[in-house]
Amino acid sequence: MEMLKAMVENAADKYSLRIKVESGDVVIPLSDDNAIAVKSAFNKLIQRIREGEFKIQLDKEGNDLFSMVAKEYLTQLNKEIREVHRQIKEFGLLKEPTGDTAIGYRHLGDS
């Protein structure tokens, strides 16, 4: 299973959780009540889930309140990622690999 790195950031006393994703960082506000930003972050994560299952891990764990909140947040988020991936797979909504990988993928699936 692929591991994605995350970090707690503080900019102008606003804390957020930044998750490193290949298509661009996903930022989840921790100290703001910004529903639009959270919805956007979850939409990006769902797109990434369609490419394959993954787990998110804090790059550096601090002892401050927001690092502890982020750690617990990621524990719950990782559970949700597993469940959403299972459902997406069950309904056949996973993205098929492209290029040479796709040929091998289809061949193995036909066996």
PDB file of N, CA and C in Angstrom:
ATOM      1  N   MET A   1       0.849  -1.173   0.000  1.00  0.00           N
ATOM      2  CA  MET A   1       0.000   0.000   0.000  1.00  0.00           C
ATOM      3  C   MET A   1       0.898   1.241   0.000  1.00  0.00           C
ATOM      4  N   GLU A   2       0.522   2.186  -0.811  1.00  0.00           N
ATOM      5  CA  GLU A   2       1.306   3.419  -0.912  1.00  0.00           C
ATOM      6  C   GLU A   2       1.087   4.296   0.322  1.00  0.00           C
ATOM      7  N   MET A   3       2.156   4.968   0.735  1.00  0.00           N
ATOM      8  CA  MET A   3       2.104   5.862   1.887  1.00  0.00           C
ATOM      9  C   MET A   3       2.281   7.293   1.402  1.00  0.00           C
ATOM     10  N   LEU A   4       1.321   8.157   1.725  1.00  0.00           N
ATOM     11  CA  LEU A   4       1.425   9.579   1.399  1.00  0.00           C
ATOM     12  C   LEU A   4       1.836  10.330   2.660  1.00  0.00           C
ATOM     13  N   LYS A   5       2.680  11.327   2.489  1.00  0.00           N
ATOM     14  CA  LYS A   5       3.164  12.122   3.612  1.00  0.00           C
ATOM     15  C   LYS A   5       2.266  13.329   3.835  1.00  0.00           C
ATOM     16  N   ALA A   6       2.119  13.705   5.095  1.00  0.00           N
ATOM     17  CA  ALA A   6       1.338  14.888   5.466  1.00  0.00           C
ATOM     18  C   ALA A   6       2.120  15.672   6.503  1.00  0.00           C
ATOM     19  N   MET A   7       1.824  16.973   6.569  1.00  0.00           N
ATOM     20  CA  MET A   7       2.477  17.816   7.572  1.00  0.00           C
ATOM     21  C   MET A   7       1.494  18.867   8.078  1.00  0.00           C
ATOM     22  N   VAL A   8       1.699  19.269   9.301  1.00  0.00           N
ATOM     23  CA  VAL A   8       0.905  20.347   9.888  1.00  0.00           C
ATOM     24  C   VAL A   8       1.610  21.646   9.551  1.00  0.00           C
ATOM     25  N   GLU A   9       0.846  22.606   9.022  1.00  0.00           N
ATOM     26  CA  GLU A   9       1.415  23.920   8.686  1.00  0.00           C
ATOM     27  C   GLU A   9       0.706  25.007   9.473  1.00  0.00           C
ATOM     28  N   ASN A  10       1.467  26.066   9.762  1.00  0.00           N
ATOM     29  CA  ASN A  10       0.921  27.220  10.459  1.00  0.00           C
ATOM     30  C   ASN A  10       1.296  28.464   9.656  1.00  0.00           C
ATOM     31  N   ALA A  11       0.282  29.137   9.139  1.00  0.00           N
ATOM     32  CA  ALA A  11       0.495  30.394   8.409  1.00  0.00           C
ATOM     33  C   ALA A  11      -0.454  31.429   8.989  1.00  0.00           C
ATOM     34  N   ALA A  12       0.096  32.471   9.549  1.00  0.00           N
ATOM     35  CA  ALA A  12      -0.700  33.551  10.147  1.00  0.00           C
ATOM     36  C   ALA A  12      -1.701  33.015  11.173  1.00  0.00           C
ATOM     37  N   ASP A  13      -1.215  32.134  12.040  1.00  0.00           N
ATOM     38  CA  ASP A  13      -2.030  31.516  13.089  1.00  0.00           C
ATOM     39  C   ASP A  13      -3.213  30.716  12.564  1.00  0.00           C
ATOM     40  N   LYS A  14      -3.125  30.261  11.335  1.00  0.00           N
ATOM     41  CA  LYS A  14      -4.131  29.359  10.766  1.00  0.00           C
ATOM     42  C   LYS A  14      -3.438  28.043  10.467  1.00  0.00           C
ATOM     43  N   TYR A  15      -3.917  26.985  11.120  1.00  0.00           N
ATOM     44  CA  TYR A  15      -3.301  25.676  10.989  1.00  0.00           C
ATOM     45  C   TYR A  15      -4.028  24.857   9.923  1.00  0.00           C
ATOM     46  N   SER A  16      -3.226  24.079   9.195  1.00  0.00           N
ATOM     47  CA  SER A  16      -3.804  23.202   8.174  1.00  0.00           C
ATOM     48  C   SER A  16      -2.974  21.931   8.085  1.00  0.00           C
ATOM     49  N   LEU A  17      -3.560  20.943   7.477  1.00  0.00           N
ATOM     50  CA  LEU A  17      -2.908  19.669   7.227  1.00  0.00           C
ATOM     51  C   LEU A  17      -2.657  19.593   5.729  1.00  0.00           C
ATOM     52  N   ARG A  18      -1.394  19.516   5.325  1.00  0.00           N
ATOM     53  CA  ARG A  18      -1.024  19.453   3.906  1.00  0.00           C
ATOM     54  C   ARG A  18      -0.616  18.019   3.586  1.00  0.00           C
ATOM     55  N   ILE A  19      -1.323  17.423   2.614  1.00  0.00           N
ATOM     56  CA  ILE A  19      -1.064  16.047   2.200  1.00  0.00           C
ATOM     57  C   ILE A  19      -0.428  16.087   0.819  1.00  0.00           C
ATOM     58  N   LYS A  20       0.719  15.433   0.690  1.00  0.00           N
ATOM     59  CA  LYS A  20       1.448  15.393  -0.579  1.00  0.00           C
ATOM     60  C   LYS A  20       0.830  14.327  -1.488  1.00  0.00           C
ATOM     61  N   VAL A  21       0.199  14.796  -2.576  1.00  0.00           N
ATOM     62  CA  VAL A  21      -0.407  13.907  -3.565  1.00  0.00           C
ATOM     63  C   VAL A  21       0.235  14.232  -4.908  1.00  0.00           C
ATOM     64  N   GLU A  22       0.418  13.217  -5.746  1.00  0.00           N
ATOM     65  CA  GLU A  22       1.095  13.387  -7.019  1.00  0.00           C
ATOM     66  C   GLU A  22       0.491  14.509  -7.869  1.00  0.00           C
ATOM     67  N   SER A  23      -0.818  14.617  -7.879  1.00  0.00           N
ATOM     68  CA  SER A  23      -1.501  15.603  -8.721  1.00  0.00           C
ATOM     69  C   SER A  23      -1.506  17.007  -8.125  1.00  0.00           C
ATOM     70  N   GLY A  24      -0.985  17.163  -6.926  1.00  0.00           N
ATOM     71  CA  GLY A  24      -0.962  18.461  -6.252  1.00  0.00           C
ATOM     72  C   GLY A  24      -1.341  18.296  -4.791  1.00  0.00           C
ATOM     73  N   ASP A  25      -0.803  19.124  -3.945  1.00  0.00           N
ATOM     74  CA  ASP A  25      -1.058  19.011  -2.512  1.00  0.00           C
ATOM     75  C   ASP A  25      -2.533  19.200  -2.183  1.00  0.00           C
ATOM     76  N   VAL A  26      -2.977  18.457  -1.181  1.00  0.00           N
ATOM     77  CA  VAL A  26      -4.332  18.580  -0.653  1.00  0.00           C
ATOM     78  C   VAL A  26      -4.203  19.254   0.707  1.00  0.00           C
ATOM     79  N   VAL A  27      -4.941  20.352   0.902  1.00  0.00           N
ATOM     80  CA  VAL A  27      -4.842  21.118   2.146  1.00  0.00           C
ATOM     81  C   VAL A  27      -6.189  21.088   2.864  1.00  0.00           C
ATOM     82  N   ILE A  28      -6.154  20.621   4.114  1.00  0.00           N
ATOM     83  CA  ILE A  28      -7.360  20.556   4.952  1.00  0.00           C
ATOM     84  C   ILE A  28      -7.169  21.521   6.115  1.00  0.00           C
ATOM     85  N   PRO A  29      -8.037  22.523   6.229  1.00  0.00           N
ATOM     86  CA  PRO A  29      -7.909  23.463   7.349  1.00  0.00           C
ATOM     87  C   PRO A  29      -8.214  22.769   8.685  1.00  0.00           C
ATOM     88  N   LEU A  30      -7.402  23.066   9.686  1.00  0.00           N
ATOM     89  CA  LEU A  30      -7.615  22.499  11.018  1.00  0.00           C
ATOM     90  C   LEU A  30      -8.162  23.531  12.000  1.00  0.00           C
ATOM     91  N   SER A  31      -7.832  24.795  11.787  1.00  0.00           N
ATOM     92  CA  SER A  31      -8.242  25.821  12.745  1.00  0.00           C
ATOM     93  C   SER A  31      -9.338  26.736  12.193  1.00  0.00           C
ATOM     94  N   ASP A  32      -9.737  26.538  10.958  1.00  0.00           N
ATOM     95  CA  ASP A  32     -10.802  27.330  10.334  1.00  0.00           C
ATOM     96  C   ASP A  32     -12.003  26.437  10.063  1.00  0.00           C
ATOM     97  N   ASP A  33     -13.162  27.036  10.059  1.00  0.00           N
ATOM     98  CA  ASP A  33     -14.374  26.321   9.673  1.00  0.00           C
ATOM     99  C   ASP A  33     -14.679  26.708   8.230  1.00  0.00           C
ATOM    100  N   ASN A  34     -13.925  26.116   7.292  1.00  0.00           N
ATOM    101  CA  ASN A  34     -14.049  26.453   5.878  1.00  0.00           C
ATOM    102  C   ASN A  34     -14.571  25.230   5.127  1.00  0.00           C
ATOM    103  N   ALA A  35     -15.884  25.115   5.048  1.00  0.00           N
ATOM    104  CA  ALA A  35     -16.514  23.939   4.430  1.00  0.00           C
ATOM    105  C   ALA A  35     -16.124  23.765   2.971  1.00  0.00           C
ATOM    106  N   ILE A  36     -15.938  24.849   2.250  1.00  0.00           N
ATOM    107  CA  ILE A  36     -15.578  24.762   0.831  1.00  0.00           C
ATOM    108  C   ILE A  36     -14.189  24.154   0.675  1.00  0.00           C
ATOM    109  N   ALA A  37     -13.234  24.570   1.507  1.00  0.00           N
ATOM    110  CA  ALA A  37     -11.874  24.029   1.440  1.00  0.00           C
ATOM    111  C   ALA A  37     -11.853  22.546   1.811  1.00  0.00           C
ATOM    112  N   VAL A  38     -12.637  22.172   2.812  1.00  0.00           N
ATOM    113  CA  VAL A  38     -12.701  20.762   3.228  1.00  0.00           C
ATOM    114  C   VAL A  38     -13.324  19.922   2.119  1.00  0.00           C
ATOM    115  N   LYS A  39     -14.397  20.407   1.528  1.00  0.00           N
ATOM    116  CA  LYS A  39     -15.064  19.685   0.433  1.00  0.00           C
ATOM    117  C   LYS A  39     -14.117  19.514  -0.755  1.00  0.00           C
ATOM    118  N   SER A  40     -13.391  20.550  -1.092  1.00  0.00           N
ATOM    119  CA  SER A  40     -12.425  20.493  -2.189  1.00  0.00           C
ATOM    120  C   SER A  40     -11.339  19.464  -1.887  1.00  0.00           C
ATOM    121  N   ALA A  41     -10.843  19.454  -0.657  1.00  0.00           N
ATOM    122  CA  ALA A  41      -9.806  18.498  -0.262  1.00  0.00           C
ATOM    123  C   ALA A  41     -10.316  17.068  -0.371  1.00  0.00           C
ATOM    124  N   PHE A  42     -11.533  16.828   0.101  1.00  0.00           N
ATOM    125  CA  PHE A  42     -12.088  15.480   0.040  1.00  0.00           C
ATOM    126  C   PHE A  42     -12.350  15.048  -1.401  1.00  0.00           C
ATOM    127  N   ASN A  43     -12.760  15.959  -2.257  1.00  0.00           N
ATOM    128  CA  ASN A  43     -12.947  15.612  -3.674  1.00  0.00           C
ATOM    129  C   ASN A  43     -11.629  15.177  -4.303  1.00  0.00           C
ATOM    130  N   LYS A  44     -10.546  15.874  -3.977  1.00  0.00           N
ATOM    131  CA  LYS A  44      -9.218  15.509  -4.497  1.00  0.00           C
ATOM    132  C   LYS A  44      -8.790  14.147  -3.965  1.00  0.00           C
ATOM    133  N   LEU A  45      -9.063  13.890  -2.692  1.00  0.00           N
ATOM    134  CA  LEU A  45      -8.697  12.595  -2.118  1.00  0.00           C
ATOM    135  C   LEU A  45      -9.500  11.457  -2.746  1.00  0.00           C
ATOM    136  N   ILE A  46     -10.775  11.693  -3.031  1.00  0.00           N
ATOM    137  CA  ILE A  46     -11.588  10.664  -3.674  1.00  0.00           C
ATOM    138  C   ILE A  46     -11.054  10.350  -5.066  1.00  0.00           C
ATOM    139  N   GLN A  47     -10.637  11.379  -5.796  1.00  0.00           N
ATOM    140  CA  GLN A  47     -10.025  11.134  -7.107  1.00  0.00           C
ATOM    141  C   GLN A  47      -8.768  10.274  -6.946  1.00  0.00           C
ATOM    142  N   ARG A  48      -7.990  10.542  -5.922  1.00  0.00           N
ATOM    143  CA  ARG A  48      -6.768   9.758  -5.692  1.00  0.00           C
ATOM    144  C   ARG A  48      -7.096   8.329  -5.270  1.00  0.00           C
ATOM    145  N   ILE A  49      -8.156   8.144  -4.503  1.00  0.00           N
ATOM    146  CA  ILE A  49      -8.582   6.806  -4.070  1.00  0.00           C
ATOM    147  C   ILE A  49      -8.914   5.935  -5.285  1.00  0.00           C
ATOM    148  N   ARG A  50      -9.481   6.543  -6.308  1.00  0.00           N
ATOM    149  CA  ARG A  50      -9.829   5.786  -7.518  1.00  0.00           C
ATOM    150  C   ARG A  50      -8.594   5.212  -8.207  1.00  0.00           C
ATOM    151  N   GLU A  51      -7.427   5.799  -7.961  1.00  0.00           N
ATOM    152  CA  GLU A  51      -6.183   5.325  -8.574  1.00  0.00           C
ATOM    153  C   GLU A  51      -5.547   4.186  -7.776  1.00  0.00           C
ATOM    154  N   GLY A  52      -5.962   3.998  -6.553  1.00  0.00           N
ATOM    155  CA  GLY A  52      -5.417   2.924  -5.727  1.00  0.00           C
ATOM    156  C   GLY A  52      -5.455   3.286  -4.257  1.00  0.00           C
ATOM    157  N   GLU A  53      -5.459   2.256  -3.430  1.00  0.00           N
ATOM    158  CA  GLU A  53      -5.540   2.457  -1.993  1.00  0.00           C
ATOM    159  C   GLU A  53      -4.222   3.048  -1.466  1.00  0.00           C
ATOM    160  N   PHE A  54      -4.316   3.866  -0.451  1.00  0.00           N
ATOM    161  CA  PHE A  54      -3.150   4.492   0.153  1.00  0.00           C
ATOM    162  C   PHE A  54      -3.449   4.806   1.605  1.00  0.00           C
ATOM    163  N   LYS A  55      -2.406   5.148   2.312  1.00  0.00           N
ATOM    164  CA  LYS A  55      -2.522   5.559   3.710  1.00  0.00           C
ATOM    165  C   LYS A  55      -1.753   6.864   3.861  1.00  0.00           C
ATOM    166  N   ILE A  56      -2.236   7.743   4.718  1.00  0.00           N
ATOM    167  CA  ILE A  56      -1.589   9.038   4.947  1.00  0.00           C
ATOM    168  C   ILE A  56      -0.910   9.002   6.316  1.00  0.00           C
ATOM    169  N   GLN A  57       0.326   9.483   6.353  1.00  0.00           N
ATOM    170  CA  GLN A  57       1.098   9.475   7.589  1.00  0.00           C
ATOM    171  C   GLN A  57       1.745  10.843   7.794  1.00  0.00           C
ATOM    172  N   LEU A  58       1.728  11.318   9.045  1.00  0.00           N
ATOM    173  CA  LEU A  58       2.403  12.578   9.368  1.00  0.00           C
ATOM    174  C   LEU A  58       3.901  12.417   9.178  1.00  0.00           C
ATOM    175  N   ASP A  59       4.496  13.373   8.486  1.00  0.00           N
ATOM    176  CA  ASP A  59       5.935  13.343   8.232  1.00  0.00           C
ATOM    177  C   ASP A  59       6.706  13.549   9.536  1.00  0.00           C
ATOM    178  N   LYS A  60       6.275  14.530  10.319  1.00  0.00           N
ATOM    179  CA  LYS A  60       6.881  14.803  11.628  1.00  0.00           C
ATOM    180  C   LYS A  60       5.767  15.013  12.629  1.00  0.00           C
ATOM    181  N   GLU A  61       5.828  14.271  13.713  1.00  0.00           N
ATOM    182  CA  GLU A  61       4.816  14.411  14.757  1.00  0.00           C
ATOM    183  C   GLU A  61       5.324  15.356  15.831  1.00  0.00           C
ATOM    184  N   GLY A  62       4.573  16.448  16.031  1.00  0.00           N
ATOM    185  CA  GLY A  62       4.922  17.396  17.076  1.00  0.00           C
ATOM    186  C   GLY A  62       4.156  17.102  18.349  1.00  0.00           C
ATOM    187  N   ASN A  63       4.435  17.855  19.386  1.00  0.00           N
ATOM    188  CA  ASN A  63       3.748  17.694  20.668  1.00  0.00           C
ATOM    189  C   ASN A  63       2.708  18.776  20.904  1.00  0.00           C
ATOM    190  N   ASP A  64       2.524  19.660  19.905  1.00  0.00           N
ATOM    191  CA  ASP A  64       1.554  20.733  20.070  1.00  0.00           C
ATOM    192  C   ASP A  64       0.135  20.220  19.807  1.00  0.00           C
ATOM    193  N   LEU A  65      -0.828  21.010  20.178  1.00  0.00           N
ATOM    194  CA  LEU A  65      -2.233  20.628  20.072  1.00  0.00           C
ATOM    195  C   LEU A  65      -2.624  20.279  18.635  1.00  0.00           C
ATOM    196  N   PHE A  66      -2.229  21.085  17.659  1.00  0.00           N
ATOM    197  CA  PHE A  66      -2.654  20.835  16.289  1.00  0.00           C
ATOM    198  C   PHE A  66      -1.992  19.601  15.686  1.00  0.00           C
ATOM    199  N   SER A  67      -0.797  19.261  16.121  1.00  0.00           N
ATOM    200  CA  SER A  67      -0.169  18.013  15.674  1.00  0.00           C
ATOM    201  C   SER A  67      -0.920  16.811  16.228  1.00  0.00           C
ATOM    202  N   MET A  68      -1.348  16.909  17.478  1.00  0.00           N
ATOM    203  CA  MET A  68      -2.130  15.816  18.072  1.00  0.00           C
ATOM    204  C   MET A  68      -3.492  15.692  17.388  1.00  0.00           C
ATOM    205  N   VAL A  69      -4.118  16.825  17.088  1.00  0.00           N
ATOM    206  CA  VAL A  69      -5.396  16.813  16.371  1.00  0.00           C
ATOM    207  C   VAL A  69      -5.208  16.197  14.983  1.00  0.00           C
ATOM    208  N   ALA A  70      -4.134  16.588  14.303  1.00  0.00           N
ATOM    209  CA  ALA A  70      -3.866  16.066  12.959  1.00  0.00           C
ATOM    210  C   ALA A  70      -3.646  14.559  12.991  1.00  0.00           C
ATOM    211  N   LYS A  71      -2.938  14.073  13.989  1.00  0.00           N
ATOM    212  CA  LYS A  71      -2.696  12.631  14.105  1.00  0.00           C
ATOM    213  C   LYS A  71      -4.008  11.867  14.257  1.00  0.00           C
ATOM    214  N   GLU A  72      -4.878  12.345  15.129  1.00  0.00           N
ATOM    215  CA  GLU A  72      -6.184  11.692  15.312  1.00  0.00           C
ATOM    216  C   GLU A  72      -7.040  11.821  14.052  1.00  0.00           C
ATOM    217  N   TYR A  73      -6.986  12.989  13.423  1.00  0.00           N
ATOM    218  CA  TYR A  73      -7.726  13.240  12.180  1.00  0.00           C
ATOM    219  C   TYR A  73      -7.301  12.228  11.119  1.00  0.00           C
ATOM    220  N   LEU A  74      -5.995  12.004  10.998  1.00  0.00           N
ATOM    221  CA  LEU A  74      -5.486  11.058   9.998  1.00  0.00           C
ATOM    222  C   LEU A  74      -5.869   9.625  10.320  1.00  0.00           C
ATOM    223  N   THR A  75      -5.945   9.279  11.591  1.00  0.00           N
ATOM    224  CA  THR A  75      -6.403   7.933  11.973  1.00  0.00           C
ATOM    225  C   THR A  75      -7.802   7.692  11.432  1.00  0.00           C
ATOM    226  N   GLN A  76      -8.691   8.659  11.638  1.00  0.00           N
ATOM    227  CA  GLN A  76     -10.063   8.531  11.147  1.00  0.00           C
ATOM    228  C   GLN A  76     -10.118   8.606   9.622  1.00  0.00           C
ATOM    229  N   LEU A  77      -9.346   9.506   9.041  1.00  0.00           N
ATOM    230  CA  LEU A  77      -9.335   9.665   7.591  1.00  0.00           C
ATOM    231  C   LEU A  77      -8.836   8.393   6.902  1.00  0.00           C
ATOM    232  N   ASN A  78      -7.825   7.751   7.445  1.00  0.00           N
ATOM    233  CA  ASN A  78      -7.311   6.509   6.865  1.00  0.00           C
ATOM    234  C   ASN A  78      -8.362   5.391   6.904  1.00  0.00           C
ATOM    235  N   LYS A  79      -9.158   5.349   7.968  1.00  0.00           N
ATOM    236  CA  LYS A  79     -10.264   4.373   8.031  1.00  0.00           C
ATOM    237  C   LYS A  79     -11.275   4.655   6.923  1.00  0.00           C
ATOM    238  N   GLU A  80     -11.597   5.930   6.746  1.00  0.00           N
ATOM    239  CA  GLU A  80     -12.547   6.317   5.693  1.00  0.00           C
ATOM    240  C   GLU A  80     -12.000   6.014   4.299  1.00  0.00           C
ATOM    241  N   ILE A  81     -10.718   6.239   4.096  1.00  0.00           N
ATOM    242  CA  ILE A  81     -10.092   5.958   2.798  1.00  0.00           C
ATOM    243  C   ILE A  81     -10.220   4.471   2.472  1.00  0.00           C
ATOM    244  N   ARG A  82      -9.935   3.600   3.447  1.00  0.00           N
ATOM    245  CA  ARG A  82     -10.071   2.150   3.225  1.00  0.00           C
ATOM    246  C   ARG A  82     -11.504   1.794   2.843  1.00  0.00           C
ATOM    247  N   GLU A  83     -12.469   2.359   3.558  1.00  0.00           N
ATOM    248  CA  GLU A  83     -13.877   2.036   3.296  1.00  0.00           C
ATOM    249  C   GLU A  83     -14.323   2.564   1.933  1.00  0.00           C
ATOM    250  N   VAL A  84     -13.960   3.794   1.605  1.00  0.00           N
ATOM    251  CA  VAL A  84     -14.346   4.369   0.311  1.00  0.00           C
ATOM    252  C   VAL A  84     -13.685   3.587  -0.819  1.00  0.00           C
ATOM    253  N   HIS A  85     -12.418   3.206  -0.648  1.00  0.00           N
ATOM    254  CA  HIS A  85     -11.732   2.412  -1.676  1.00  0.00           C
ATOM    255  C   HIS A  85     -12.463   1.083  -1.881  1.00  0.00           C
ATOM    256  N   ARG A  86     -12.858   0.440  -0.795  1.00  0.00           N
ATOM    257  CA  ARG A  86     -13.587  -0.820  -0.894  1.00  0.00           C
ATOM    258  C   ARG A  86     -14.876  -0.647  -1.681  1.00  0.00           C
ATOM    259  N   GLN A  87     -15.616   0.431  -1.390  1.00  0.00           N
ATOM    260  CA  GLN A  87     -16.883   0.673  -2.084  1.00  0.00           C
ATOM    261  C   GLN A  87     -16.662   1.016  -3.555  1.00  0.00           C
ATOM    262  N   ILE A  88     -15.658   1.821  -3.840  1.00  0.00           N
ATOM    263  CA  ILE A  88     -15.367   2.183  -5.230  1.00  0.00           C
ATOM    264  C   ILE A  88     -14.989   0.932  -6.017  1.00  0.00           C
ATOM    265  N   LYS A  89     -14.191   0.073  -5.403  1.00  0.00           N
ATOM    266  CA  LYS A  89     -13.795  -1.183  -6.053  1.00  0.00           C
ATOM    267  C   LYS A  89     -15.011  -2.076  -6.269  1.00  0.00           C
ATOM    268  N   GLU A  90     -15.860  -2.169  -5.261  1.00  0.00           N
ATOM    269  CA  GLU A  90     -17.068  -2.998  -5.332  1.00  0.00           C
ATOM    270  C   GLU A  90     -17.976  -2.564  -6.484  1.00  0.00           C
ATOM    271  N   PHE A  91     -18.074  -1.278  -6.726  1.00  0.00           N
ATOM    272  CA  PHE A  91     -18.937  -0.762  -7.789  1.00  0.00           C
ATOM    273  C   PHE A  91     -18.204  -0.618  -9.132  1.00  0.00           C
ATOM    274  N   GLY A  92     -16.957  -1.071  -9.188  1.00  0.00           N
ATOM    275  CA  GLY A  92     -16.207  -1.048 -10.437  1.00  0.00           C
ATOM    276  C   GLY A  92     -15.825   0.344 -10.905  1.00  0.00           C
ATOM    277  N   LEU A  93     -15.563   1.248  -9.979  1.00  0.00           N
ATOM    278  CA  LEU A  93     -15.258   2.635 -10.332  1.00  0.00           C
ATOM    279  C   LEU A  93     -13.778   2.986 -10.212  1.00  0.00           C
ATOM    280  N   LEU A  94     -12.923   1.984  -9.972  1.00  0.00           N
ATOM    281  CA  LEU A  94     -11.491   2.258  -9.927  1.00  0.00           C
ATOM    282  C   LEU A  94     -11.000   2.600 -11.324  1.00  0.00           C
ATOM    283  N   LYS A  95     -10.034   3.496 -11.400  1.00  0.00           N
ATOM    284  CA  LYS A  95      -9.429   3.832 -12.688  1.00  0.00           C
ATOM    285  C   LYS A  95      -8.534   2.680 -13.108  1.00  0.00           C
ATOM    286  N   GLU A  96      -8.597   2.335 -14.396  1.00  0.00           N
ATOM    287  CA  GLU A  96      -7.697   1.307 -14.902  1.00  0.00           C
ATOM    288  C   GLU A  96      -6.350   1.943 -15.177  1.00  0.00           C
ATOM    289  N   PRO A  97      -5.271   1.208 -14.898  1.00  0.00           N
ATOM    290  CA  PRO A  97      -3.943   1.726 -15.223  1.00  0.00           C
ATOM    291  C   PRO A  97      -3.831   1.989 -16.721  1.00  0.00           C
ATOM    292  N   THR A  98      -2.927   2.894 -17.090  1.00  0.00           N
ATOM    293  CA  THR A  98      -2.736   3.221 -18.501  1.00  0.00           C
ATOM    294  C   THR A  98      -1.368   2.752 -18.968  1.00  0.00           C
ATOM    295  N   GLY A  99      -1.171   2.738 -20.265  1.00  0.00           N
ATOM    296  CA  GLY A  99       0.124   2.379 -20.842  1.00  0.00           C
ATOM    297  C   GLY A  99       0.418   0.903 -20.702  1.00  0.00           C
ATOM    298  N   ASP A 100       1.698   0.557 -20.546  1.00  0.00           N
ATOM    299  CA  ASP A 100       2.125  -0.838 -20.452  1.00  0.00           C
ATOM    300  C   ASP A 100       1.493  -1.543 -19.264  1.00  0.00           C
ATOM    301  N   THR A 101       1.288  -0.823 -18.186  1.00  0.00           N
ATOM    302  CA  THR A 101       0.682  -1.415 -16.996  1.00  0.00           C
ATOM    303  C   THR A 101      -0.731  -1.888 -17.293  1.00  0.00           C
ATOM    304  N   ALA A 102      -1.459  -1.143 -18.126  1.00  0.00           N
ATOM    305  CA  ALA A 102      -2.833  -1.503 -18.446  1.00  0.00           C
ATOM    306  C   ALA A 102      -2.888  -2.824 -19.190  1.00  0.00           C
ATOM    307  N   ILE A 103      -1.951  -3.066 -20.086  1.00  0.00           N
ATOM    308  CA  ILE A 103      -1.956  -4.317 -20.847  1.00  0.00           C
ATOM    309  C   ILE A 103      -1.788  -5.493 -19.889  1.00  0.00           C
ATOM    310  N   GLY A 104      -0.814  -5.390 -18.998  1.00  0.00           N
ATOM    311  CA  GLY A 104      -0.614  -6.454 -18.021  1.00  0.00           C
ATOM    312  C   GLY A 104      -1.801  -6.599 -17.093  1.00  0.00           C
ATOM    313  N   TYR A 105      -2.416  -5.504 -16.726  1.00  0.00           N
ATOM    314  CA  TYR A 105      -3.559  -5.507 -15.829  1.00  0.00           C
ATOM    315  C   TYR A 105      -4.722  -6.247 -16.469  1.00  0.00           C
ATOM    316  N   ARG A 106      -5.032  -5.933 -17.711  1.00  0.00           N
ATOM    317  CA  ARG A 106      -6.141  -6.592 -18.400  1.00  0.00           C
ATOM    318  C   ARG A 106      -5.832  -8.065 -18.607  1.00  0.00           C
ATOM    319  N   HIS A 107      -4.599  -8.386 -18.957  1.00  0.00           N
ATOM    320  CA  HIS A 107      -4.232  -9.772 -19.187  1.00  0.00           C
ATOM    321  C   HIS A 107      -4.408 -10.591 -17.910  1.00  0.00           C
ATOM    322  N   LEU A 108      -3.944 -10.039 -16.785  1.00  0.00           N
ATOM    323  CA  LEU A 108      -4.092 -10.757 -15.518  1.00  0.00           C
ATOM    324  C   LEU A 108      -5.551 -10.895 -15.140  1.00  0.00           C
ATOM    325  N   GLY A 109      -6.338  -9.905 -15.463  1.00  0.00           N
ATOM    326  CA  GLY A 109      -7.762  -9.961 -15.136  1.00  0.00           C
ATOM    327  C   GLY A 109      -8.513 -10.996 -15.952  1.00  0.00           C
ATOM    328  N   ASP A 110      -8.014 -11.316 -17.159  1.00  0.00           N
ATOM    329  CA  ASP A 110      -8.670 -12.291 -18.012  1.00  0.00           C
ATOM    330  C   ASP A 110      -8.354 -13.726 -17.625  1.00  0.00           C
ATOM    331  N   SER A 111      -7.315 -13.924 -16.833  1.00  0.00           N
ATOM    332  CA  SER A 111      -6.875 -15.275 -16.488  1.00  0.00           C
ATOM    333  C   SER A 111      -7.853 -15.960 -15.580  1.00  0.00           C
TER     334      SER A 111
END
